[in-house]
Amino acid sequence: MAGESSHEQREHEFTLQVFSISAAMVGVCLTAIGILRLVAVQAQVESVGDEFLAADAVLFVTCCFISFWSLKTRQAKFRQRLRLAVDALFMIALVLMVVVCAIIAYALV
């Protein structure tokens, strides 16, 4: 029983971290969109980076909402499913962020 409680506490703390990191990543995406727009105007760079960043921001916001939902739910099985969804969605958003960084780096060269 104590091991199960410890596991639940770790999962809760991890969900809190993902919640706060996802919110911060939305800000990063929006800032990057603004910077990319400035660079595109000044250097005539055409890129799909801003569209990918907008999609990435939506993924991070969705991750934020689902993690908040999982923190509020009282049903253990449903909470676990939400946490699995958050984990998968967060990793997809991070991979997309790496792809966007590669696109931006390639466009600026």
Protein backbone atom coordinates (compact mmCIF):
# COMPACT_ATOMS: atom_id res chain seq x y z
CA MET A 1 0.00 0.00 0.00
CA ALA A 2 2.85 2.39 0.83
CA GLY A 3 4.54 1.61 -2.49
CA GLU A 4 1.34 2.39 -4.37
CA SER A 5 0.98 5.70 -2.54
CA SER A 6 4.62 6.56 -3.30
CA HIS A 7 4.06 5.74 -6.99
CA GLU A 8 0.94 7.92 -7.06
CA GLN A 9 2.86 10.78 -5.42
CA ARG A 10 5.63 10.53 -8.05
CA GLU A 11 3.06 10.49 -10.84
CA HIS A 12 1.33 13.52 -9.33
CA GLU A 13 4.61 15.45 -9.10
CA PHE A 14 5.53 14.50 -12.67
CA THR A 15 2.12 15.65 -13.91
CA LEU A 16 2.62 18.98 -12.15
CA GLN A 17 5.99 19.37 -13.86
CA VAL A 18 4.56 18.54 -17.28
CA PHE A 19 1.74 21.03 -16.64
CA SER A 20 4.13 23.88 -15.90
CA ILE A 21 6.61 22.97 -18.64
CA SER A 22 3.82 22.72 -21.22
CA ALA A 23 2.58 26.19 -20.30
CA ALA A 24 6.11 27.56 -20.64
CA MET A 25 6.56 25.83 -24.00
CA VAL A 26 3.45 27.58 -25.33
CA GLY A 27 5.21 30.86 -24.57
CA VAL A 28 8.37 29.61 -26.27
CA CYS A 29 6.40 28.68 -29.39
CA LEU A 30 4.65 32.04 -29.55
CA THR A 31 7.92 33.91 -29.03
CA ALA A 32 9.58 31.85 -31.75
CA ILE A 33 6.69 32.61 -34.14
CA GLY A 34 7.24 36.32 -33.55
CA ILE A 35 10.99 36.05 -34.06
CA LEU A 36 10.55 33.93 -37.18
CA ARG A 37 8.14 36.51 -38.59
CA LEU A 38 10.70 39.28 -38.01
CA VAL A 39 13.45 37.25 -39.67
CA ALA A 40 11.19 36.31 -42.57
CA VAL A 41 10.33 39.94 -43.23
CA GLN A 42 13.94 41.13 -43.00
CA ALA A 43 15.70 38.30 -44.80
CA GLN A 44 12.92 37.24 -47.21
CA VAL A 45 12.94 33.78 -45.63
CA GLU A 46 9.94 31.66 -46.52
CA SER A 47 9.29 28.82 -44.13
CA VAL A 48 6.57 26.64 -42.78
CA GLY A 49 8.19 26.97 -39.37
CA ASP A 50 5.57 29.34 -38.03
CA GLU A 51 2.74 26.97 -38.96
CA PHE A 52 4.53 24.10 -37.23
CA LEU A 53 5.19 26.30 -34.20
CA ALA A 54 1.51 27.22 -34.02
CA ALA A 55 0.56 23.54 -34.17
CA ASP A 56 3.18 22.80 -31.53
CA ALA A 57 1.73 25.51 -29.29
CA VAL A 58 -1.69 23.88 -29.66
CA LEU A 59 -0.19 20.50 -28.70
CA PHE A 60 1.44 21.99 -25.61
CA VAL A 61 -1.78 23.78 -24.60
CA THR A 62 -3.69 20.52 -25.03
CA CYS A 63 -1.07 18.78 -22.93
CA CYS A 64 -1.48 21.48 -20.30
CA PHE A 65 -5.27 21.06 -20.22
CA ILE A 66 -5.12 17.27 -20.02
CA SER A 67 -2.52 17.34 -17.24
CA PHE A 68 -4.65 19.83 -15.30
CA TRP A 69 -7.65 17.56 -15.82
CA SER A 70 -5.68 14.59 -14.53
CA LEU A 71 -4.73 16.57 -11.43
CA LYS A 72 -8.40 17.30 -10.74
CA THR A 73 -9.96 13.89 -11.39
CA ARG A 74 -10.63 11.54 -8.51
CA GLN A 75 -10.95 8.32 -10.49
CA ALA A 76 -7.63 6.49 -10.37
CA LYS A 77 -8.04 4.55 -13.65
CA PHE A 78 -9.18 7.61 -15.57
CA ARG A 79 -6.35 9.67 -14.07
CA GLN A 80 -3.84 7.05 -15.23
CA ARG A 81 -5.26 7.16 -18.76
CA LEU A 82 -5.05 10.93 -18.81
CA ARG A 83 -1.45 10.78 -17.61
CA LEU A 84 -0.55 8.32 -20.37
CA ALA A 85 -2.16 10.64 -22.90
CA VAL A 86 -0.21 13.59 -21.49
CA ASP A 87 3.06 11.64 -21.70
CA ALA A 88 2.48 10.69 -25.33
CA LEU A 89 1.28 14.14 -26.36
CA PHE A 90 4.15 15.88 -24.59
CA MET A 91 6.72 13.68 -26.36
CA ILE A 92 5.06 14.32 -29.74
CA ALA A 93 5.15 18.06 -29.07
CA LEU A 94 8.83 17.91 -28.10
CA VAL A 95 9.70 15.98 -31.27
CA LEU A 96 7.79 18.53 -33.34
CA MET A 97 9.76 21.29 -31.60
CA VAL A 98 13.01 19.65 -32.72
CA VAL A 99 11.68 19.41 -36.29
CA VAL A 100 10.74 23.09 -36.19
CA CYS A 101 14.21 24.01 -34.92
CA ALA A 102 15.74 22.09 -37.82
CA ILE A 103 13.48 23.86 -40.32
CA ILE A 104 14.35 27.26 -38.90
CA ALA A 105 18.07 26.48 -38.82
CA TYR A 106 17.93 25.28 -42.43
CA ALA A 107 15.94 28.34 -43.57
CA LEU A 108 18.38 30.77 -41.98
CA VAL A 109 21.46 29.22 -43.56
